[in-house]
Amino acid sequence: MKNNRVNPDSTSAKSNEDGGEIGREEKEKEAVEDSRGQWASPAEFILSCLGYAVGLGNVWRFPYLCYENGGGAFLIPYLIMIVFVGLPIFLIELAIGQYSGVGPLNIWSISPIFRGVGAGMIMITFLVSIYYNMILAWSLYYMFASWQSQVSWLDYDIA
């Protein structure tokens, strides 16, 4: 019986159904494109972006920052910075990611001077993940501690 397997390291081209030739690099590129996930609907994409943009800092830290920095007067510069700095950077990041279709390490290969930016993005994501996991651990600890008959924080004198 004849072996019909194609050697992936072969540099020879293979013919497709149309009679054209597909090179090894083109086949690899098609395989990578096929393996990347796609959004099933626009609603999934929008909800994912909202989950990305609204984090613990917006929910827990924002009221504290408002209180510490002047209450309602803090909202004006905050909203100005969100509109003129935060939103454009967020949209640029989305556009670059959608246009390139690659991850943070590979996108910065377009300019060699910025290659460290992708590695920095991954490191920051890792550190933020540790931070969020610690907050989640505290939340779970105090949730389970509150189910006990005697809670430890009632023993403190506030006066």
N, C-alpha and C. Protein backbone atom coordinates (compact mmCIF):
# COMPACT_ATOMS: atom_id res chain seq x y z
N MET A 1 0.85 -1.17 0.00
CA MET A 1 0.00 0.00 0.00
C MET A 1 0.89 1.23 0.00
N LYS A 2 0.52 2.18 -0.77
CA LYS A 2 1.30 3.39 -0.93
C LYS A 2 0.97 4.38 0.18
N ASN A 3 2.00 5.05 0.74
CA ASN A 3 1.82 6.04 1.79
C ASN A 3 1.48 7.38 1.15
N ASN A 4 0.28 7.90 1.42
CA ASN A 4 -0.17 9.16 0.82
C ASN A 4 0.03 10.35 1.73
N ARG A 5 0.77 10.20 2.81
CA ARG A 5 0.98 11.31 3.73
C ARG A 5 1.91 12.33 3.10
N VAL A 6 1.65 13.58 3.40
CA VAL A 6 2.49 14.67 2.89
C VAL A 6 3.42 15.10 4.01
N ASN A 7 4.68 15.26 3.69
CA ASN A 7 5.67 15.70 4.66
C ASN A 7 5.47 17.20 4.90
N PRO A 8 5.18 17.63 6.15
CA PRO A 8 4.95 19.06 6.40
C PRO A 8 6.22 19.89 6.24
N ASP A 9 7.38 19.28 6.32
CA ASP A 9 8.62 20.03 6.15
C ASP A 9 9.02 20.17 4.70
N SER A 10 8.27 19.57 3.84
CA SER A 10 8.58 19.62 2.42
C SER A 10 8.36 21.03 1.90
N THR A 11 9.24 21.48 1.05
CA THR A 11 9.11 22.82 0.48
C THR A 11 8.38 22.78 -0.85
N SER A 12 7.99 21.59 -1.29
CA SER A 12 7.29 21.50 -2.56
C SER A 12 5.86 21.99 -2.39
N ALA A 13 5.30 22.47 -3.46
CA ALA A 13 3.93 22.96 -3.43
C ALA A 13 2.96 21.84 -3.77
N LYS A 14 1.74 21.97 -3.31
CA LYS A 14 0.70 20.96 -3.54
C LYS A 14 -0.41 21.60 -4.34
N SER A 15 -0.98 20.87 -5.26
CA SER A 15 -2.07 21.40 -6.08
C SER A 15 -3.38 21.25 -5.34
N ASN A 16 -4.25 22.23 -5.50
CA ASN A 16 -5.59 22.11 -4.93
C ASN A 16 -6.58 21.73 -6.02
N GLU A 17 -7.90 21.79 -5.70
CA GLU A 17 -8.91 21.34 -6.64
C GLU A 17 -8.94 22.21 -7.91
N ASP A 18 -8.64 23.48 -7.79
CA ASP A 18 -8.70 24.39 -8.93
C ASP A 18 -7.48 24.28 -9.83
N GLY A 19 -6.53 23.50 -9.46
CA GLY A 19 -5.33 23.36 -10.26
C GLY A 19 -4.26 24.36 -9.87
N GLY A 20 -4.55 25.32 -8.95
CA GLY A 20 -3.56 26.29 -8.50
C GLY A 20 -2.63 25.66 -7.49
N GLU A 21 -1.58 26.34 -7.18
CA GLU A 21 -0.61 25.81 -6.24
C GLU A 21 -0.70 26.57 -4.92
N ILE A 22 -0.66 25.81 -3.83
CA ILE A 22 -0.67 26.39 -2.49
C ILE A 22 0.67 26.06 -1.86
N GLY A 23 1.42 27.07 -1.49
CA GLY A 23 2.71 26.86 -0.86
C GLY A 23 2.56 26.51 0.61
N ARG A 24 3.64 26.05 1.20
CA ARG A 24 3.63 25.65 2.60
C ARG A 24 3.27 26.81 3.51
N GLU A 25 3.82 27.99 3.23
CA GLU A 25 3.54 29.15 4.09
C GLU A 25 2.07 29.54 4.03
N GLU A 26 1.47 29.45 2.85
CA GLU A 26 0.05 29.79 2.73
C GLU A 26 -0.81 28.78 3.48
N LYS A 27 -0.45 27.49 3.42
CA LYS A 27 -1.20 26.48 4.16
C LYS A 27 -1.10 26.72 5.65
N GLU A 28 0.09 27.08 6.15
CA GLU A 28 0.25 27.34 7.57
C GLU A 28 -0.56 28.55 7.98
N LYS A 29 -0.59 29.58 7.14
CA LYS A 29 -1.36 30.77 7.45
C LYS A 29 -2.85 30.45 7.50
N GLU A 30 -3.33 29.63 6.56
CA GLU A 30 -4.74 29.24 6.57
C GLU A 30 -5.06 28.42 7.81
N ALA A 31 -4.14 27.55 8.23
CA ALA A 31 -4.37 26.74 9.42
C ALA A 31 -4.47 27.61 10.67
N VAL A 32 -3.63 28.64 10.76
CA VAL A 32 -3.68 29.55 11.91
C VAL A 32 -4.98 30.34 11.89
N GLU A 33 -5.38 30.82 10.70
CA GLU A 33 -6.63 31.58 10.61
C GLU A 33 -7.83 30.72 10.99
N ASP A 34 -7.81 29.44 10.58
CA ASP A 34 -8.93 28.56 10.91
C ASP A 34 -8.98 28.23 12.39
N SER A 35 -7.83 28.23 13.08
CA SER A 35 -7.80 27.83 14.48
C SER A 35 -8.20 28.97 15.42
N ARG A 36 -8.21 30.20 14.96
CA ARG A 36 -8.59 31.33 15.80
C ARG A 36 -10.10 31.38 15.95
N GLY A 37 -10.56 31.63 17.17
CA GLY A 37 -11.99 31.72 17.43
C GLY A 37 -12.59 33.00 16.88
N GLN A 38 -13.86 32.95 16.59
CA GLN A 38 -14.59 34.11 16.09
C GLN A 38 -15.81 34.31 16.98
N TRP A 39 -16.29 35.54 17.08
CA TRP A 39 -17.49 35.83 17.85
C TRP A 39 -18.69 35.27 17.12
N ALA A 40 -19.60 34.66 17.86
CA ALA A 40 -20.80 34.09 17.26
C ALA A 40 -21.81 35.17 16.89
N SER A 41 -21.81 36.27 17.64
CA SER A 41 -22.74 37.36 17.35
C SER A 41 -22.14 38.67 17.84
N PRO A 42 -22.64 39.79 17.32
CA PRO A 42 -22.15 41.09 17.80
C PRO A 42 -22.43 41.31 19.29
N ALA A 43 -23.50 40.72 19.80
CA ALA A 43 -23.83 40.88 21.22
C ALA A 43 -22.75 40.27 22.10
N GLU A 44 -22.19 39.13 21.69
CA GLU A 44 -21.09 38.51 22.45
C GLU A 44 -19.89 39.44 22.51
N PHE A 45 -19.58 40.05 21.38
CA PHE A 45 -18.44 40.97 21.33
C PHE A 45 -18.66 42.17 22.23
N ILE A 46 -19.85 42.76 22.20
CA ILE A 46 -20.13 43.94 23.01
C ILE A 46 -20.10 43.59 24.50
N LEU A 47 -20.68 42.46 24.88
CA LEU A 47 -20.65 42.06 26.28
C LEU A 47 -19.24 41.75 26.76
N SER A 48 -18.43 41.18 25.88
CA SER A 48 -17.04 40.91 26.23
C SER A 48 -16.27 42.22 26.43
N CYS A 49 -16.52 43.19 25.58
CA CYS A 49 -15.86 44.50 25.73
C CYS A 49 -16.30 45.19 27.01
N LEU A 50 -17.57 45.09 27.36
CA LEU A 50 -18.05 45.68 28.61
C LEU A 50 -17.39 45.01 29.81
N GLY A 51 -17.27 43.70 29.76
CA GLY A 51 -16.60 42.98 30.84
C GLY A 51 -15.14 43.35 30.95
N TYR A 52 -14.52 43.65 29.82
CA TYR A 52 -13.12 44.06 29.80
C TYR A 52 -12.96 45.48 30.35
N ALA A 53 -13.88 46.36 30.00
CA ALA A 53 -13.75 47.77 30.37
C ALA A 53 -14.20 48.05 31.80
N VAL A 54 -15.20 47.36 32.28
CA VAL A 54 -15.74 47.62 33.62
C VAL A 54 -15.19 46.54 34.56
N GLY A 55 -14.24 46.94 35.37
CA GLY A 55 -13.60 45.99 36.28
C GLY A 55 -13.87 46.37 37.73
N LEU A 56 -13.10 45.74 38.61
CA LEU A 56 -13.25 46.02 40.04
C LEU A 56 -12.92 47.47 40.38
N GLY A 57 -11.99 48.05 39.64
CA GLY A 57 -11.63 49.44 39.90
C GLY A 57 -12.80 50.38 39.69
N ASN A 58 -13.60 50.12 38.67
CA ASN A 58 -14.75 50.97 38.41
C ASN A 58 -15.85 50.78 39.45
N VAL A 59 -16.01 49.58 39.94
CA VAL A 59 -17.12 49.29 40.84
C VAL A 59 -16.77 49.61 42.29
N TRP A 60 -15.60 49.19 42.75
CA TRP A 60 -15.24 49.34 44.16
C TRP A 60 -14.42 50.59 44.45
N ARG A 61 -13.52 50.94 43.58
CA ARG A 61 -12.59 52.02 43.88
C ARG A 61 -13.14 53.40 43.49
N PHE A 62 -14.01 53.46 42.53
CA PHE A 62 -14.52 54.75 42.06
C PHE A 62 -15.24 55.55 43.14
N PRO A 63 -16.15 54.97 43.92
CA PRO A 63 -16.78 55.78 44.99
C PRO A 63 -15.77 56.30 46.00
N TYR A 64 -14.76 55.51 46.33
CA TYR A 64 -13.71 55.96 47.24
C TYR A 64 -12.95 57.14 46.65
N LEU A 65 -12.60 57.06 45.37
CA LEU A 65 -11.87 58.16 44.73
C LEU A 65 -12.73 59.43 44.68
N CYS A 66 -14.01 59.28 44.41
CA CYS A 66 -14.90 60.45 44.42
C CYS A 66 -14.92 61.10 45.80
N TYR A 67 -15.03 60.29 46.83
CA TYR A 67 -15.08 60.82 48.20
C TYR A 67 -13.78 61.51 48.57
N GLU A 68 -12.64 60.91 48.24
CA GLU A 68 -11.34 61.46 48.62
C GLU A 68 -10.95 62.70 47.82
N ASN A 69 -11.47 62.85 46.60
CA ASN A 69 -11.03 63.93 45.72
C ASN A 69 -12.08 64.98 45.44
N GLY A 70 -13.01 65.15 46.32
CA GLY A 70 -13.92 66.28 46.17
C GLY A 70 -15.33 65.96 45.75
N GLY A 71 -15.72 64.72 45.78
CA GLY A 71 -17.11 64.36 45.47
C GLY A 71 -17.47 64.65 44.03
N GLY A 72 -18.54 65.43 43.84
CA GLY A 72 -19.05 65.73 42.51
C GLY A 72 -18.08 66.50 41.64
N ALA A 73 -17.21 67.33 42.26
CA ALA A 73 -16.23 68.08 41.49
C ALA A 73 -15.21 67.16 40.84
N PHE A 74 -15.02 65.99 41.38
CA PHE A 74 -14.09 65.01 40.81
C PHE A 74 -14.66 64.41 39.53
N LEU A 75 -15.98 64.36 39.41
CA LEU A 75 -16.61 63.74 38.24
C LEU A 75 -16.30 64.47 36.94
N ILE A 76 -16.19 65.79 36.99
CA ILE A 76 -15.96 66.56 35.76
C ILE A 76 -14.61 66.21 35.12
N PRO A 77 -13.46 66.30 35.84
CA PRO A 77 -12.21 65.91 35.18
C PRO A 77 -12.16 64.41 34.88
N TYR A 78 -12.83 63.60 35.70
CA TYR A 78 -12.85 62.16 35.46
C TYR A 78 -13.54 61.86 34.13
N LEU A 79 -14.71 62.43 33.92
CA LEU A 79 -15.44 62.19 32.68
C LEU A 79 -14.71 62.76 31.47
N ILE A 80 -14.06 63.92 31.63
CA ILE A 80 -13.28 64.50 30.53
C ILE A 80 -12.14 63.56 30.14
N MET A 81 -11.44 63.01 31.12
CA MET A 81 -10.34 62.09 30.83
C MET A 81 -10.85 60.78 30.22
N ILE A 82 -12.00 60.31 30.68
CA ILE A 82 -12.57 59.09 30.08
C ILE A 82 -12.90 59.33 28.61
N VAL A 83 -13.52 60.45 28.31
CA VAL A 83 -13.95 60.72 26.94
C VAL A 83 -12.77 61.00 26.01
N PHE A 84 -11.80 61.80 26.47
CA PHE A 84 -10.72 62.23 25.57
C PHE A 84 -9.47 61.38 25.62
N VAL A 85 -9.31 60.54 26.64
CA VAL A 85 -8.11 59.70 26.73
C VAL A 85 -8.49 58.21 26.79
N GLY A 86 -9.32 57.84 27.74
CA GLY A 86 -9.62 56.42 27.94
C GLY A 86 -10.34 55.78 26.78
N LEU A 87 -11.40 56.39 26.30
CA LEU A 87 -12.18 55.83 25.21
C LEU A 87 -11.38 55.73 23.91
N PRO A 88 -10.64 56.78 23.49
CA PRO A 88 -9.84 56.62 22.26
C PRO A 88 -8.78 55.52 22.35
N ILE A 89 -8.11 55.41 23.49
CA ILE A 89 -7.10 54.35 23.63
C ILE A 89 -7.77 52.99 23.58
N PHE A 90 -8.93 52.85 24.22
CA PHE A 90 -9.67 51.59 24.19
C PHE A 90 -10.06 51.23 22.76
N LEU A 91 -10.58 52.20 22.01
CA LEU A 91 -11.00 51.94 20.63
C LEU A 91 -9.82 51.63 19.73
N ILE A 92 -8.68 52.30 19.95
CA ILE A 92 -7.48 51.99 19.16
C ILE A 92 -7.02 50.57 19.44
N GLU A 93 -7.04 50.18 20.70
CA GLU A 93 -6.64 48.81 21.04
C GLU A 93 -7.55 47.78 20.38
N LEU A 94 -8.87 48.04 20.39
CA LEU A 94 -9.80 47.13 19.73
C LEU A 94 -9.55 47.08 18.22
N ALA A 95 -9.35 48.24 17.61
CA ALA A 95 -9.14 48.28 16.16
C ALA A 95 -7.86 47.56 15.75
N ILE A 96 -6.79 47.77 16.49
CA ILE A 96 -5.52 47.09 16.16
C ILE A 96 -5.68 45.59 16.33
N GLY A 97 -6.34 45.16 17.40
CA GLY A 97 -6.55 43.73 17.62
C GLY A 97 -7.43 43.10 16.55
N GLN A 98 -8.50 43.79 16.14
CA GLN A 98 -9.38 43.26 15.10
C GLN A 98 -8.69 43.25 13.74
N TYR A 99 -7.93 44.29 13.46
CA TYR A 99 -7.28 44.38 12.15
C TYR A 99 -6.17 43.35 12.00
N SER A 100 -5.36 43.19 13.03
CA SER A 100 -4.21 42.29 12.91
C SER A 100 -4.59 40.84 13.13
N GLY A 101 -5.49 40.57 14.05
CA GLY A 101 -5.90 39.20 14.34
C GLY A 101 -4.83 38.38 15.05
N VAL A 102 -3.85 39.05 15.67
CA VAL A 102 -2.81 38.34 16.41
C VAL A 102 -2.78 38.84 17.85
N GLY A 103 -2.01 38.16 18.68
CA GLY A 103 -1.92 38.49 20.09
C GLY A 103 -0.96 39.63 20.37
N PRO A 104 -0.81 39.97 21.65
CA PRO A 104 0.01 41.12 22.02
C PRO A 104 1.50 40.96 21.72
N LEU A 105 2.00 39.74 21.73
CA LEU A 105 3.42 39.56 21.42
C LEU A 105 3.71 39.76 19.94
N ASN A 106 2.83 39.27 19.09
CA ASN A 106 3.09 39.32 17.65
C ASN A 106 2.74 40.65 17.01
N ILE A 107 1.78 41.39 17.57
CA ILE A 107 1.38 42.64 16.94
C ILE A 107 2.51 43.66 16.97
N TRP A 108 3.33 43.66 18.00
CA TRP A 108 4.37 44.66 18.12
C TRP A 108 5.60 44.33 17.29
N SER A 109 5.57 43.25 16.52
CA SER A 109 6.68 42.97 15.61
C SER A 109 6.65 43.90 14.40
N ILE A 110 5.59 44.70 14.25
CA ILE A 110 5.53 45.66 13.15
C ILE A 110 6.56 46.77 13.34
N SER A 111 6.96 47.01 14.56
CA SER A 111 7.99 48.00 14.85
C SER A 111 8.92 47.41 15.91
N PRO A 112 10.15 47.08 15.54
CA PRO A 112 11.04 46.40 16.48
C PRO A 112 11.31 47.18 17.76
N ILE A 113 11.19 48.49 17.74
CA ILE A 113 11.45 49.27 18.94
C ILE A 113 10.39 49.02 20.01
N PHE A 114 9.20 48.56 19.60
CA PHE A 114 8.10 48.33 20.53
C PHE A 114 7.91 46.86 20.90
N ARG A 115 8.87 45.99 20.62
CA ARG A 115 8.69 44.56 20.91
C ARG A 115 8.47 44.31 22.39
N GLY A 116 9.05 45.10 23.26
CA GLY A 116 8.87 44.91 24.70
C GLY A 116 7.50 45.29 25.20
N VAL A 117 6.75 46.06 24.41
CA VAL A 117 5.41 46.48 24.83
C VAL A 117 4.50 45.26 24.97
N GLY A 118 4.57 44.32 24.03
CA GLY A 118 3.75 43.12 24.10
C GLY A 118 4.07 42.28 25.33
N ALA A 119 5.36 42.12 25.62
CA ALA A 119 5.76 41.37 26.82
C ALA A 119 5.30 42.11 28.08
N GLY A 120 5.39 43.45 28.06
CA GLY A 120 4.91 44.24 29.19
C GLY A 120 3.41 44.10 29.39
N MET A 121 2.66 44.03 28.29
CA MET A 121 1.21 43.85 28.39
C MET A 121 0.87 42.51 29.03
N ILE A 122 1.62 41.49 28.68
CA ILE A 122 1.36 40.17 29.25
C ILE A 122 1.74 40.15 30.73
N MET A 123 2.84 40.78 31.10
CA MET A 123 3.25 40.83 32.51
C MET A 123 2.22 41.59 33.35
N ILE A 124 1.72 42.71 32.85
CA ILE A 124 0.73 43.49 33.59
C ILE A 124 -0.56 42.68 33.74
N THR A 125 -0.96 41.97 32.69
CA THR A 125 -2.15 41.12 32.78
C THR A 125 -1.97 40.05 33.85
N PHE A 126 -0.78 39.47 33.92
CA PHE A 126 -0.49 38.46 34.93
C PHE A 126 -0.58 39.05 36.34
N LEU A 127 0.01 40.23 36.54
CA LEU A 127 -0.02 40.85 37.87
C LEU A 127 -1.43 41.27 38.26
N VAL A 128 -2.21 41.78 37.33
CA VAL A 128 -3.59 42.16 37.63
C VAL A 128 -4.41 40.92 37.95
N SER A 129 -4.12 39.80 37.29
CA SER A 129 -4.82 38.55 37.60
C SER A 129 -4.55 38.10 39.03
N ILE A 130 -3.32 38.25 39.47
CA ILE A 130 -2.98 37.91 40.85
C ILE A 130 -3.75 38.82 41.81
N TYR A 131 -3.79 40.11 41.52
CA TYR A 131 -4.50 41.09 42.34
C TYR A 131 -5.99 40.73 42.44
N TYR A 132 -6.62 40.45 41.29
CA TYR A 132 -8.04 40.11 41.29
C TYR A 132 -8.30 38.80 42.02
N ASN A 133 -7.41 37.83 41.89
CA ASN A 133 -7.59 36.57 42.61
C ASN A 133 -7.49 36.77 44.11
N MET A 134 -6.64 37.67 44.56
CA MET A 134 -6.53 37.96 45.99
C MET A 134 -7.80 38.62 46.51
N ILE A 135 -8.36 39.54 45.75
CA ILE A 135 -9.62 40.17 46.15
C ILE A 135 -10.74 39.14 46.19
N LEU A 136 -10.75 38.24 45.22
CA LEU A 136 -11.75 37.17 45.21
C LEU A 136 -11.57 36.26 46.42
N ALA A 137 -10.35 35.95 46.79
CA ALA A 137 -10.10 35.11 47.97
C ALA A 137 -10.58 35.80 49.24
N TRP A 138 -10.32 37.11 49.38
CA TRP A 138 -10.82 37.84 50.55
C TRP A 138 -12.35 37.81 50.59
N SER A 139 -12.97 38.04 49.45
CA SER A 139 -14.44 38.04 49.39
C SER A 139 -15.00 36.69 49.81
N LEU A 140 -14.41 35.61 49.30
CA LEU A 140 -14.88 34.28 49.68
C LEU A 140 -14.64 34.00 51.16
N TYR A 141 -13.47 34.41 51.67
CA TYR A 141 -13.17 34.19 53.09
C TYR A 141 -14.20 34.88 53.97
N TYR A 142 -14.48 36.16 53.71
CA TYR A 142 -15.42 36.89 54.55
C TYR A 142 -16.86 36.43 54.33
N MET A 143 -17.18 35.95 53.14
CA MET A 143 -18.51 35.41 52.94
C MET A 143 -18.73 34.17 53.80
N PHE A 144 -17.76 33.25 53.79
CA PHE A 144 -17.90 32.05 54.61
C PHE A 144 -17.76 32.37 56.10
N ALA A 145 -16.94 33.35 56.43
CA ALA A 145 -16.80 33.73 57.84
C ALA A 145 -18.09 34.36 58.36
N SER A 146 -18.85 35.02 57.52
CA SER A 146 -20.09 35.65 57.96
C SER A 146 -21.18 34.63 58.24
N TRP A 147 -21.03 33.40 57.80
CA TRP A 147 -22.03 32.37 58.06
C TRP A 147 -21.83 31.69 59.42
N GLN A 148 -20.76 32.03 60.13
CA GLN A 148 -20.54 31.44 61.44
C GLN A 148 -21.45 32.11 62.47
N SER A 149 -21.69 31.41 63.59
CA SER A 149 -22.57 31.98 64.60
C SER A 149 -21.91 33.17 65.32
N GLN A 150 -20.61 33.12 65.53
CA GLN A 150 -19.88 34.22 66.16
C GLN A 150 -18.89 34.79 65.14
N VAL A 151 -19.16 36.01 64.67
CA VAL A 151 -18.26 36.63 63.70
C VAL A 151 -17.19 37.43 64.42
N SER A 152 -15.98 37.41 63.90
CA SER A 152 -14.85 38.01 64.61
C SER A 152 -14.88 39.53 64.62
N TRP A 153 -15.51 40.17 63.66
CA TRP A 153 -15.46 41.62 63.62
C TRP A 153 -16.45 42.29 64.56
N LEU A 154 -17.27 41.54 65.26
CA LEU A 154 -18.16 42.13 66.27
C LEU A 154 -17.46 42.32 67.61
N ASP A 155 -16.28 41.73 67.80
CA ASP A 155 -15.56 41.82 69.07
C ASP A 155 -14.79 43.14 69.22
N TYR A 156 -14.72 43.95 68.20
CA TYR A 156 -13.93 45.18 68.25
C TYR A 156 -14.76 46.32 68.82
N ASP A 157 -14.12 47.15 69.66
CA ASP A 157 -14.76 48.35 70.20
C ASP A 157 -14.54 49.51 69.23
N ILE A 158 -15.60 50.11 68.78
CA ILE A 158 -15.48 51.20 67.83
C ILE A 158 -15.17 52.51 68.55
N ALA A 159 -15.58 52.64 69.80
CA ALA A 159 -15.40 53.88 70.55
C ALA A 159 -14.01 54.15 70.88
